[in-house]
Amino acid sequence: MFLVGSFFLFSAFLVTTCIFVIFSKNPVNSVLFLVLAFLNSTFLFILIGAEFVGIILAIVYIGAVAILFLFVVMMLDIQKVTLMLNIKKYVPIAVVFASIILAEIIYLTVYKTTKVNPDIIIKHENNTEQIGDVLYTTYFIDFQLSGIVLLLAMIGAIVLTHVYRPSIKRQNIDKQNTTSSSNRVQLVKIKSGQGIKND
């Protein structure tokens, strides 16, 4: 009874925070409500026994992605009037995507749950072991390909944002490795009472 009550409590908080994310006028408040929504999702995953997914959600999305969103939004100078005008332009697309996501949720929660095979044998009690077993056996190639796609996306972002400017000093690793001390250091004997003559 306690678990059921906790589940409905966190679910209500999750729906409420998602509504505030959408309808909040201040982008900073919207991101803060998004962090709270991720936190409620973490509690929900832990309650249903998926503690690994919940902890990963907290570490990755709350600890990295949402905080990055918050920093970016705080650094941007967003005008509320311009923001509202741009939002109205994307309402039809938002309705289409919301309908698709809602249809997927109904399909997964109503249709797929009634078609579950009861003869599935659970090999491990720990769902972390189950996820690792599936990722590194059945979906090993897909898992590695997704990592390569993310690596290419990171390299592409670096290449696209990199701007070469001649005025900025750059490192030349080959030149540094081939340079000897005789080219950099000069030993000068100085007589007492005389300074160094710099050419």
N, C-alpha and C. Protein backbone atom coordinates (compact mmCIF):
# COMPACT_ATOMS: atom_id res chain seq x y z
N MET A 1 0.83 -1.22 0.00
CA MET A 1 0.00 0.00 0.00
C MET A 1 0.85 1.26 0.00
N PHE A 2 1.95 1.18 0.78
CA PHE A 2 2.85 2.34 0.84
C PHE A 2 3.51 2.59 -0.51
N LEU A 3 3.92 1.51 -1.20
CA LEU A 3 4.57 1.67 -2.50
C LEU A 3 3.59 2.22 -3.53
N VAL A 4 2.35 1.76 -3.49
CA VAL A 4 1.35 2.27 -4.43
C VAL A 4 1.06 3.75 -4.19
N GLY A 5 0.92 4.13 -2.90
CA GLY A 5 0.70 5.54 -2.58
C GLY A 5 1.87 6.41 -2.99
N SER A 6 3.10 5.91 -2.75
CA SER A 6 4.30 6.67 -3.15
C SER A 6 4.37 6.81 -4.66
N PHE A 7 4.01 5.75 -5.37
CA PHE A 7 4.05 5.81 -6.83
C PHE A 7 3.09 6.87 -7.37
N PHE A 8 1.86 6.89 -6.87
CA PHE A 8 0.89 7.88 -7.34
C PHE A 8 1.29 9.29 -6.91
N LEU A 9 1.93 9.41 -5.74
CA LEU A 9 2.38 10.73 -5.27
C LEU A 9 3.46 11.29 -6.19
N PHE A 10 4.48 10.48 -6.48
CA PHE A 10 5.55 10.95 -7.36
C PHE A 10 5.05 11.14 -8.79
N SER A 11 4.09 10.33 -9.20
CA SER A 11 3.51 10.51 -10.54
C SER A 11 2.78 11.84 -10.65
N ALA A 12 2.04 12.18 -9.60
CA ALA A 12 1.33 13.47 -9.61
C ALA A 12 2.33 14.63 -9.64
N PHE A 13 3.40 14.52 -8.84
CA PHE A 13 4.44 15.56 -8.87
C PHE A 13 5.09 15.65 -10.24
N LEU A 14 5.31 14.50 -10.88
CA LEU A 14 5.93 14.49 -12.20
C LEU A 14 5.06 15.19 -13.24
N VAL A 15 3.79 14.88 -13.25
CA VAL A 15 2.87 15.52 -14.20
C VAL A 15 2.80 17.03 -13.94
N THR A 16 2.77 17.41 -12.65
CA THR A 16 2.70 18.83 -12.30
C THR A 16 3.95 19.58 -12.76
N THR A 17 5.13 19.01 -12.50
CA THR A 17 6.37 19.67 -12.91
C THR A 17 6.49 19.75 -14.43
N CYS A 18 6.01 18.72 -15.14
CA CYS A 18 6.04 18.77 -16.61
C CYS A 18 5.15 19.89 -17.14
N ILE A 19 4.00 20.09 -16.49
CA ILE A 19 3.11 21.19 -16.90
C ILE A 19 3.79 22.53 -16.67
N PHE A 20 4.50 22.67 -15.53
CA PHE A 20 5.21 23.92 -15.26
C PHE A 20 6.38 24.12 -16.22
N VAL A 21 7.01 23.03 -16.66
CA VAL A 21 8.09 23.15 -17.65
C VAL A 21 7.56 23.75 -18.94
N ILE A 22 6.39 23.33 -19.34
CA ILE A 22 5.82 23.79 -20.62
C ILE A 22 5.30 25.22 -20.53
N PHE A 23 4.60 25.54 -19.45
CA PHE A 23 3.89 26.81 -19.38
C PHE A 23 4.61 27.88 -18.57
N SER A 24 5.81 27.61 -18.09
CA SER A 24 6.55 28.63 -17.35
C SER A 24 7.08 29.70 -18.30
N LYS A 25 6.88 30.96 -17.96
CA LYS A 25 7.31 32.07 -18.83
C LYS A 25 8.80 32.34 -18.74
N ASN A 26 9.38 32.07 -17.59
CA ASN A 26 10.81 32.28 -17.41
C ASN A 26 11.56 31.00 -17.79
N PRO A 27 12.51 31.08 -18.74
CA PRO A 27 13.23 29.86 -19.16
C PRO A 27 14.05 29.23 -18.03
N VAL A 28 14.60 30.05 -17.14
CA VAL A 28 15.38 29.50 -16.02
C VAL A 28 14.48 28.67 -15.11
N ASN A 29 13.29 29.18 -14.80
CA ASN A 29 12.34 28.41 -13.99
C ASN A 29 11.91 27.14 -14.71
N SER A 30 11.78 27.21 -16.02
CA SER A 30 11.41 26.03 -16.79
C SER A 30 12.46 24.93 -16.67
N VAL A 31 13.74 25.31 -16.73
CA VAL A 31 14.81 24.32 -16.59
C VAL A 31 14.84 23.76 -15.17
N LEU A 32 14.60 24.59 -14.18
CA LEU A 32 14.57 24.11 -12.79
C LEU A 32 13.42 23.11 -12.58
N PHE A 33 12.28 23.39 -13.18
CA PHE A 33 11.18 22.42 -13.11
C PHE A 33 11.52 21.14 -13.87
N LEU A 34 12.32 21.26 -14.93
CA LEU A 34 12.76 20.08 -15.66
C LEU A 34 13.66 19.20 -14.78
N VAL A 35 14.54 19.83 -14.02
CA VAL A 35 15.38 19.09 -13.08
C VAL A 35 14.51 18.37 -12.05
N LEU A 36 13.48 19.05 -11.55
CA LEU A 36 12.57 18.43 -10.59
C LEU A 36 11.80 17.27 -11.22
N ALA A 37 11.45 17.40 -12.50
CA ALA A 37 10.76 16.31 -13.20
C ALA A 37 11.68 15.09 -13.34
N PHE A 38 12.95 15.32 -13.66
CA PHE A 38 13.92 14.22 -13.73
C PHE A 38 14.07 13.54 -12.37
N LEU A 39 14.08 14.34 -11.30
CA LEU A 39 14.22 13.78 -9.96
C LEU A 39 13.01 12.90 -9.61
N ASN A 40 11.81 13.35 -9.94
CA ASN A 40 10.62 12.53 -9.70
C ASN A 40 10.66 11.26 -10.54
N SER A 41 11.17 11.35 -11.77
CA SER A 41 11.29 10.15 -12.61
C SER A 41 12.28 9.16 -11.99
N THR A 42 13.35 9.68 -11.39
CA THR A 42 14.31 8.81 -10.72
C THR A 42 13.64 8.03 -9.59
N PHE A 43 12.84 8.71 -8.78
CA PHE A 43 12.14 8.04 -7.69
C PHE A 43 11.16 6.99 -8.22
N LEU A 44 10.49 7.30 -9.32
CA LEU A 44 9.55 6.34 -9.89
C LEU A 44 10.26 5.08 -10.39
N PHE A 45 11.41 5.25 -11.05
CA PHE A 45 12.16 4.08 -11.51
C PHE A 45 12.64 3.24 -10.33
N ILE A 46 13.07 3.89 -9.26
CA ILE A 46 13.52 3.14 -8.08
C ILE A 46 12.34 2.38 -7.45
N LEU A 47 11.17 2.99 -7.44
CA LEU A 47 10.00 2.33 -6.85
C LEU A 47 9.57 1.09 -7.62
N ILE A 48 9.73 1.10 -8.94
CA ILE A 48 9.31 -0.07 -9.73
C ILE A 48 10.43 -1.10 -9.85
N GLY A 49 11.56 -0.87 -9.16
CA GLY A 49 12.63 -1.86 -9.15
C GLY A 49 13.72 -1.65 -10.17
N ALA A 50 13.67 -0.59 -10.93
CA ALA A 50 14.71 -0.29 -11.93
C ALA A 50 15.67 0.74 -11.37
N GLU A 51 16.41 0.33 -10.33
CA GLU A 51 17.27 1.30 -9.65
C GLU A 51 18.44 1.76 -10.51
N PHE A 52 18.92 0.88 -11.41
CA PHE A 52 20.04 1.26 -12.28
C PHE A 52 19.62 2.38 -13.23
N VAL A 53 18.46 2.24 -13.85
CA VAL A 53 17.96 3.26 -14.77
C VAL A 53 17.71 4.57 -14.02
N GLY A 54 17.17 4.48 -12.81
CA GLY A 54 16.91 5.68 -12.01
C GLY A 54 18.18 6.43 -11.65
N ILE A 55 19.20 5.69 -11.22
CA ILE A 55 20.47 6.33 -10.85
C ILE A 55 21.15 6.93 -12.07
N ILE A 56 21.12 6.22 -13.19
CA ILE A 56 21.70 6.76 -14.43
C ILE A 56 20.97 8.03 -14.85
N LEU A 57 19.65 8.02 -14.71
CA LEU A 57 18.86 9.22 -15.04
C LEU A 57 19.27 10.39 -14.16
N ALA A 58 19.49 10.13 -12.88
CA ALA A 58 19.89 11.21 -11.97
C ALA A 58 21.29 11.71 -12.28
N ILE A 59 22.21 10.80 -12.56
CA ILE A 59 23.61 11.21 -12.79
C ILE A 59 23.76 11.94 -14.12
N VAL A 60 23.17 11.36 -15.18
CA VAL A 60 23.39 11.91 -16.53
C VAL A 60 22.54 13.15 -16.77
N TYR A 61 21.23 13.04 -16.53
CA TYR A 61 20.33 14.12 -16.90
C TYR A 61 20.32 15.24 -15.88
N ILE A 62 20.26 14.90 -14.59
CA ILE A 62 20.25 15.95 -13.58
C ILE A 62 21.66 16.52 -13.38
N GLY A 63 22.64 15.64 -13.32
CA GLY A 63 24.00 16.10 -13.04
C GLY A 63 24.73 16.72 -14.19
N ALA A 64 24.29 16.48 -15.42
CA ALA A 64 25.02 17.00 -16.57
C ALA A 64 24.14 17.77 -17.53
N VAL A 65 23.15 17.11 -18.11
CA VAL A 65 22.38 17.71 -19.20
C VAL A 65 21.55 18.89 -18.72
N ALA A 66 20.78 18.69 -17.64
CA ALA A 66 19.90 19.77 -17.17
C ALA A 66 20.71 20.96 -16.65
N ILE A 67 21.83 20.69 -15.97
CA ILE A 67 22.67 21.78 -15.48
C ILE A 67 23.28 22.54 -16.65
N LEU A 68 23.66 21.82 -17.70
CA LEU A 68 24.17 22.48 -18.91
C LEU A 68 23.09 23.36 -19.54
N PHE A 69 21.86 22.85 -19.61
CA PHE A 69 20.74 23.66 -20.10
C PHE A 69 20.59 24.92 -19.27
N LEU A 70 20.70 24.77 -17.95
CA LEU A 70 20.52 25.91 -17.05
C LEU A 70 21.59 26.97 -17.29
N PHE A 71 22.84 26.55 -17.45
CA PHE A 71 23.92 27.51 -17.71
C PHE A 71 23.72 28.22 -19.04
N VAL A 72 23.31 27.47 -20.07
CA VAL A 72 23.11 28.08 -21.39
C VAL A 72 21.97 29.07 -21.36
N VAL A 73 20.86 28.71 -20.70
CA VAL A 73 19.71 29.61 -20.63
C VAL A 73 20.04 30.87 -19.84
N MET A 74 20.82 30.71 -18.77
CA MET A 74 21.18 31.87 -17.95
C MET A 74 22.12 32.82 -18.70
N MET A 75 22.94 32.28 -19.61
CA MET A 75 23.86 33.13 -20.37
C MET A 75 23.19 33.80 -21.55
N LEU A 76 22.09 33.24 -22.05
CA LEU A 76 21.40 33.83 -23.19
C LEU A 76 20.50 34.97 -22.74
N ASP A 77 20.42 35.98 -23.57
CA ASP A 77 19.52 37.11 -23.32
C ASP A 77 18.25 36.89 -24.14
N ILE A 78 17.28 36.24 -23.51
CA ILE A 78 16.06 35.86 -24.22
C ILE A 78 14.96 36.87 -23.92
N GLN A 79 14.42 37.46 -24.95
CA GLN A 79 13.30 38.37 -24.79
C GLN A 79 11.99 37.58 -24.75
N LYS A 80 11.14 37.89 -23.78
CA LYS A 80 9.92 37.11 -23.61
C LYS A 80 8.96 37.28 -24.78
N VAL A 81 8.90 38.51 -25.35
CA VAL A 81 7.98 38.75 -26.46
C VAL A 81 8.40 37.93 -27.67
N THR A 82 9.69 37.95 -27.99
CA THR A 82 10.20 37.17 -29.12
C THR A 82 10.00 35.69 -28.89
N LEU A 83 10.20 35.25 -27.64
CA LEU A 83 10.03 33.85 -27.32
C LEU A 83 8.59 33.40 -27.52
N MET A 84 7.63 34.21 -27.09
CA MET A 84 6.23 33.85 -27.25
C MET A 84 5.81 33.82 -28.72
N LEU A 85 6.35 34.75 -29.52
CA LEU A 85 6.03 34.76 -30.95
C LEU A 85 6.57 33.52 -31.64
N ASN A 86 7.79 33.10 -31.25
CA ASN A 86 8.37 31.90 -31.86
C ASN A 86 7.63 30.64 -31.43
N ILE A 87 7.14 30.62 -30.19
CA ILE A 87 6.42 29.44 -29.70
C ILE A 87 5.13 29.23 -30.48
N LYS A 88 4.39 30.30 -30.75
CA LYS A 88 3.12 30.18 -31.47
C LYS A 88 3.32 29.59 -32.86
N LYS A 89 4.48 29.81 -33.44
CA LYS A 89 4.74 29.31 -34.79
C LYS A 89 4.90 27.79 -34.81
N TYR A 90 5.35 27.21 -33.68
CA TYR A 90 5.63 25.77 -33.63
C TYR A 90 4.53 24.97 -32.95
N VAL A 91 3.38 25.58 -32.67
CA VAL A 91 2.30 24.87 -31.99
C VAL A 91 1.78 23.69 -32.82
N PRO A 92 1.52 23.82 -34.13
CA PRO A 92 1.03 22.64 -34.88
C PRO A 92 2.01 21.47 -34.86
N ILE A 93 3.31 21.75 -35.01
CA ILE A 93 4.30 20.67 -34.97
C ILE A 93 4.33 20.03 -33.59
N ALA A 94 4.20 20.85 -32.55
CA ALA A 94 4.20 20.32 -31.19
C ALA A 94 3.00 19.42 -30.95
N VAL A 95 1.86 19.78 -31.50
CA VAL A 95 0.65 18.95 -31.34
C VAL A 95 0.85 17.61 -32.04
N VAL A 96 1.46 17.61 -33.22
CA VAL A 96 1.70 16.36 -33.95
C VAL A 96 2.62 15.44 -33.17
N PHE A 97 3.74 15.99 -32.68
CA PHE A 97 4.69 15.17 -31.94
C PHE A 97 4.10 14.69 -30.61
N ALA A 98 3.32 15.55 -29.96
CA ALA A 98 2.66 15.14 -28.71
C ALA A 98 1.68 14.01 -28.96
N SER A 99 0.97 14.05 -30.08
CA SER A 99 0.03 12.98 -30.40
C SER A 99 0.76 11.67 -30.67
N ILE A 100 1.91 11.75 -31.36
CA ILE A 100 2.70 10.54 -31.64
C ILE A 100 3.22 9.93 -30.34
N ILE A 101 3.75 10.78 -29.45
CA ILE A 101 4.27 10.28 -28.18
C ILE A 101 3.16 9.68 -27.33
N LEU A 102 1.99 10.33 -27.31
CA LEU A 102 0.86 9.80 -26.55
C LEU A 102 0.40 8.46 -27.10
N ALA A 103 0.37 8.33 -28.43
CA ALA A 103 0.00 7.05 -29.03
C ALA A 103 1.00 5.96 -28.67
N GLU A 104 2.29 6.29 -28.65
CA GLU A 104 3.31 5.30 -28.27
C GLU A 104 3.14 4.88 -26.81
N ILE A 105 2.86 5.84 -25.93
CA ILE A 105 2.66 5.52 -24.52
C ILE A 105 1.46 4.60 -24.34
N ILE A 106 0.36 4.90 -25.03
CA ILE A 106 -0.84 4.06 -24.92
C ILE A 106 -0.55 2.66 -25.48
N TYR A 107 0.19 2.60 -26.58
CA TYR A 107 0.52 1.30 -27.17
C TYR A 107 1.37 0.46 -26.24
N LEU A 108 2.38 1.09 -25.61
CA LEU A 108 3.28 0.34 -24.74
C LEU A 108 2.63 -0.04 -23.41
N THR A 109 1.77 0.81 -22.89
CA THR A 109 1.18 0.54 -21.58
C THR A 109 -0.08 -0.31 -21.64
N VAL A 110 -0.83 -0.23 -22.72
CA VAL A 110 -2.10 -0.96 -22.82
C VAL A 110 -1.95 -2.23 -23.66
N TYR A 111 -1.41 -2.07 -24.86
CA TYR A 111 -1.36 -3.20 -25.79
C TYR A 111 -0.23 -4.18 -25.46
N LYS A 112 0.98 -3.65 -25.26
CA LYS A 112 2.13 -4.52 -25.06
C LYS A 112 2.09 -5.24 -23.72
N THR A 113 1.54 -4.59 -22.67
CA THR A 113 1.51 -5.25 -21.37
C THR A 113 0.57 -6.45 -21.36
N THR A 114 -0.45 -6.46 -22.22
CA THR A 114 -1.35 -7.61 -22.29
C THR A 114 -0.77 -8.75 -23.11
N LYS A 115 0.31 -8.47 -23.88
CA LYS A 115 0.93 -9.48 -24.72
C LYS A 115 2.23 -10.03 -24.14
N VAL A 116 2.47 -9.77 -22.88
CA VAL A 116 3.72 -10.20 -22.27
C VAL A 116 3.73 -11.72 -22.14
N ASN A 117 4.86 -12.32 -22.47
CA ASN A 117 5.00 -13.77 -22.37
C ASN A 117 5.25 -14.16 -20.92
N PRO A 118 4.37 -14.96 -20.30
CA PRO A 118 4.57 -15.31 -18.90
C PRO A 118 5.67 -16.32 -18.67
N ASP A 119 6.20 -16.93 -19.74
CA ASP A 119 7.22 -17.96 -19.60
C ASP A 119 8.63 -17.41 -19.59
N ILE A 120 8.78 -16.07 -19.47
CA ILE A 120 10.10 -15.46 -19.44
C ILE A 120 10.79 -15.82 -18.14
N ILE A 121 12.00 -16.37 -18.23
CA ILE A 121 12.75 -16.77 -17.05
C ILE A 121 13.74 -15.66 -16.71
N ILE A 122 13.67 -15.17 -15.48
CA ILE A 122 14.59 -14.14 -15.02
C ILE A 122 15.88 -14.80 -14.57
N LYS A 123 16.98 -14.45 -15.23
CA LYS A 123 18.26 -15.09 -14.92
C LYS A 123 18.90 -14.50 -13.66
N HIS A 124 18.73 -13.20 -13.46
CA HIS A 124 19.36 -12.53 -12.34
C HIS A 124 18.29 -11.77 -11.55
N GLU A 125 18.54 -11.65 -10.26
CA GLU A 125 17.65 -10.84 -9.45
C GLU A 125 17.94 -9.35 -9.62
N ASN A 126 19.17 -9.02 -9.95
CA ASN A 126 19.59 -7.63 -10.08
C ASN A 126 19.36 -7.17 -11.52
N ASN A 127 18.59 -6.08 -11.70
CA ASN A 127 18.31 -5.63 -13.07
C ASN A 127 19.53 -5.01 -13.72
N THR A 128 20.53 -4.57 -12.93
CA THR A 128 21.77 -4.05 -13.51
C THR A 128 22.50 -5.16 -14.26
N GLU A 129 22.52 -6.36 -13.69
CA GLU A 129 23.13 -7.49 -14.38
C GLU A 129 22.35 -7.87 -15.63
N GLN A 130 21.04 -7.77 -15.56
CA GLN A 130 20.22 -8.09 -16.73
C GLN A 130 20.48 -7.12 -17.87
N ILE A 131 20.55 -5.82 -17.55
CA ILE A 131 20.83 -4.81 -18.58
C ILE A 131 22.21 -5.02 -19.19
N GLY A 132 23.21 -5.26 -18.33
CA GLY A 132 24.55 -5.51 -18.84
C GLY A 132 24.63 -6.77 -19.69
N ASP A 133 23.90 -7.81 -19.27
CA ASP A 133 23.88 -9.05 -20.04
C ASP A 133 23.28 -8.86 -21.42
N VAL A 134 22.19 -8.10 -21.48
CA VAL A 134 21.52 -7.87 -22.77
C VAL A 134 22.36 -6.95 -23.66
N LEU A 135 22.93 -5.89 -23.07
CA LEU A 135 23.69 -4.92 -23.87
C LEU A 135 24.94 -5.53 -24.47
N TYR A 136 25.64 -6.36 -23.69
CA TYR A 136 26.94 -6.88 -24.14
C TYR A 136 26.86 -8.26 -24.77
N THR A 137 25.65 -8.78 -24.98
CA THR A 137 25.50 -10.05 -25.70
C THR A 137 24.59 -9.87 -26.92
N THR A 138 23.31 -9.65 -26.66
CA THR A 138 22.34 -9.56 -27.77
C THR A 138 22.52 -8.30 -28.59
N TYR A 139 22.70 -7.16 -27.90
CA TYR A 139 22.77 -5.86 -28.59
C TYR A 139 24.18 -5.27 -28.54
N PHE A 140 25.20 -6.14 -28.58
CA PHE A 140 26.58 -5.65 -28.48
C PHE A 140 26.95 -4.76 -29.65
N ILE A 141 26.63 -5.18 -30.87
CA ILE A 141 26.98 -4.39 -32.07
C ILE A 141 26.22 -3.06 -32.06
N ASP A 142 24.94 -3.10 -31.73
CA ASP A 142 24.15 -1.86 -31.67
C ASP A 142 24.68 -0.91 -30.61
N PHE A 143 25.11 -1.45 -29.48
CA PHE A 143 25.66 -0.63 -28.41
C PHE A 143 26.95 0.05 -28.85
N GLN A 144 27.83 -0.69 -29.53
CA GLN A 144 29.08 -0.11 -30.00
C GLN A 144 28.83 0.92 -31.11
N LEU A 145 27.87 0.64 -31.99
CA LEU A 145 27.56 1.59 -33.06
C LEU A 145 26.99 2.89 -32.50
N SER A 146 26.17 2.80 -31.46
CA SER A 146 25.65 4.02 -30.85
C SER A 146 26.77 4.85 -30.24
N GLY A 147 27.77 4.18 -29.66
CA GLY A 147 28.93 4.91 -29.14
C GLY A 147 29.71 5.61 -30.25
N ILE A 148 29.86 4.94 -31.39
CA ILE A 148 30.55 5.55 -32.53
C ILE A 148 29.77 6.75 -33.06
N VAL A 149 28.45 6.63 -33.11
CA VAL A 149 27.62 7.76 -33.57
C VAL A 149 27.78 8.96 -32.65
N LEU A 150 27.79 8.72 -31.34
CA LEU A 150 27.99 9.81 -30.38
C LEU A 150 29.38 10.43 -30.52
N LEU A 151 30.39 9.59 -30.76
CA LEU A 151 31.74 10.10 -30.96
C LEU A 151 31.82 10.97 -32.21
N LEU A 152 31.19 10.53 -33.29
CA LEU A 152 31.18 11.33 -34.52
C LEU A 152 30.43 12.64 -34.33
N ALA A 153 29.35 12.61 -33.55
CA ALA A 153 28.61 13.85 -33.27
C ALA A 153 29.47 14.83 -32.49
N MET A 154 30.25 14.31 -31.54
CA MET A 154 31.13 15.18 -30.76
C MET A 154 32.23 15.77 -31.64
N ILE A 155 32.82 14.95 -32.49
CA ILE A 155 33.87 15.45 -33.39
C ILE A 155 33.29 16.47 -34.37
N GLY A 156 32.09 16.21 -34.89
CA GLY A 156 31.45 17.16 -35.80
C GLY A 156 31.16 18.49 -35.14
N ALA A 157 30.72 18.46 -33.88
CA ALA A 157 30.47 19.71 -33.17
C ALA A 157 31.75 20.50 -32.96
N ILE A 158 32.83 19.80 -32.66
CA ILE A 158 34.12 20.49 -32.48
C ILE A 158 34.60 21.09 -33.79
N VAL A 159 34.48 20.34 -34.88
CA VAL A 159 34.93 20.84 -36.19
C VAL A 159 34.10 22.04 -36.64
N LEU A 160 32.78 21.97 -36.43
CA LEU A 160 31.91 23.06 -36.89
C LEU A 160 32.11 24.34 -36.08
N THR A 161 32.41 24.21 -34.80
CA THR A 161 32.56 25.39 -33.96
C THR A 161 34.00 25.90 -33.90
N HIS A 162 34.93 25.13 -34.47
CA HIS A 162 36.33 25.55 -34.41
C HIS A 162 36.60 26.61 -35.47
N VAL A 163 37.15 27.73 -35.06
CA VAL A 163 37.46 28.84 -35.97
C VAL A 163 38.96 29.10 -35.90
N TYR A 164 39.63 29.07 -37.05
CA TYR A 164 41.07 29.32 -37.09
C TYR A 164 41.32 30.82 -37.22
N ARG A 165 42.08 31.34 -36.31
CA ARG A 165 42.48 32.75 -36.34
C ARG A 165 43.99 32.85 -36.28
N PRO A 166 44.60 33.55 -37.26
CA PRO A 166 46.07 33.64 -37.27
C PRO A 166 46.62 34.37 -36.05
N SER A 167 45.84 35.25 -35.45
CA SER A 167 46.34 36.02 -34.31
C SER A 167 46.46 35.19 -33.04
N ILE A 168 45.80 34.04 -32.99
CA ILE A 168 45.84 33.19 -31.79
C ILE A 168 47.05 32.27 -31.87
N LYS A 169 47.84 32.21 -30.81
CA LYS A 169 48.99 31.32 -30.75
C LYS A 169 48.52 29.87 -30.65
N ARG A 170 49.13 29.02 -31.47
CA ARG A 170 48.75 27.62 -31.50
C ARG A 170 49.97 26.74 -31.22
N GLN A 171 49.71 25.58 -30.70
CA GLN A 171 50.79 24.63 -30.44
C GLN A 171 51.15 23.87 -31.70
N ASN A 172 52.45 23.68 -31.89
CA ASN A 172 52.96 22.83 -32.96
C ASN A 172 53.76 21.71 -32.28
N ILE A 173 53.14 20.55 -32.13
CA ILE A 173 53.74 19.47 -31.35
C ILE A 173 55.03 18.98 -32.00
N ASP A 174 55.05 18.86 -33.33
CA ASP A 174 56.26 18.38 -34.02
C ASP A 174 57.42 19.35 -33.82
N LYS A 175 57.13 20.65 -33.91
CA LYS A 175 58.18 21.65 -33.72
C LYS A 175 58.70 21.63 -32.29
N GLN A 176 57.81 21.42 -31.33
CA GLN A 176 58.25 21.37 -29.94
C GLN A 176 59.11 20.14 -29.66
N ASN A 177 58.76 19.01 -30.28
CA ASN A 177 59.53 17.79 -30.03
C ASN A 177 60.90 17.82 -30.70
N THR A 178 61.02 18.50 -31.84
CA THR A 178 62.31 18.55 -32.56
C THR A 178 63.22 19.68 -32.08
N THR A 179 62.72 20.54 -31.21
CA THR A 179 63.53 21.66 -30.72
C THR A 179 64.48 21.17 -29.62
N SER A 180 65.77 21.55 -29.75
CA SER A 180 66.76 21.17 -28.75
C SER A 180 67.03 22.35 -27.82
N SER A 181 67.76 22.06 -26.75
CA SER A 181 68.06 23.11 -25.77
C SER A 181 69.00 24.17 -26.34
N SER A 182 69.82 23.80 -27.34
CA SER A 182 70.74 24.78 -27.92
C SER A 182 70.01 25.86 -28.70
N ASN A 183 68.82 25.55 -29.18
CA ASN A 183 68.04 26.55 -29.90
C ASN A 183 67.25 27.47 -28.99
N ARG A 184 67.09 27.08 -27.76
CA ARG A 184 66.26 27.83 -26.83
C ARG A 184 67.04 28.53 -25.73
N VAL A 185 68.15 27.91 -25.30
CA VAL A 185 68.91 28.42 -24.16
C VAL A 185 70.25 28.96 -24.64
N GLN A 186 70.62 30.12 -24.18
CA GLN A 186 71.90 30.73 -24.53
C GLN A 186 72.64 31.10 -23.25
N LEU A 187 73.85 30.56 -23.12
CA LEU A 187 74.67 30.82 -21.94
C LEU A 187 75.57 32.02 -22.21
N VAL A 188 75.52 33.01 -21.37
CA VAL A 188 76.28 34.25 -21.54
C VAL A 188 77.11 34.49 -20.29
N LYS A 189 78.40 34.75 -20.50
CA LYS A 189 79.27 35.10 -19.38
C LYS A 189 79.23 36.62 -19.17
N ILE A 190 78.85 37.03 -18.00
CA ILE A 190 78.69 38.44 -17.70
C ILE A 190 79.80 38.87 -16.75
N LYS A 191 80.46 39.94 -17.13
CA LYS A 191 81.50 40.48 -16.26
C LYS A 191 80.87 41.29 -15.14
N SER A 192 81.57 41.38 -14.08
CA SER A 192 81.05 42.09 -12.91
C SER A 192 80.87 43.59 -13.23
N GLY A 193 79.68 44.12 -12.90
CA GLY A 193 79.39 45.53 -13.13
C GLY A 193 78.84 45.82 -14.50
N GLN A 194 78.68 44.82 -15.35
CA GLN A 194 78.13 45.03 -16.69
C GLN A 194 76.77 44.33 -16.82
N GLY A 195 75.94 44.93 -17.65
CA GLY A 195 74.64 44.32 -17.89
C GLY A 195 74.65 43.44 -19.13
N ILE A 196 73.46 42.94 -19.47
CA ILE A 196 73.33 42.09 -20.65
C ILE A 196 72.90 42.94 -21.81
N LYS A 197 73.59 42.79 -22.93
CA LYS A 197 73.25 43.50 -24.13
C LYS A 197 72.27 42.64 -24.93
N ASN A 198 71.06 43.12 -25.07
CA ASN A 198 70.02 42.39 -25.78
C ASN A 198 69.91 42.90 -27.21
N ASP A 199 70.14 42.02 -28.19
CA ASP A 199 70.07 42.42 -29.61
C ASP A 199 68.64 42.50 -30.08
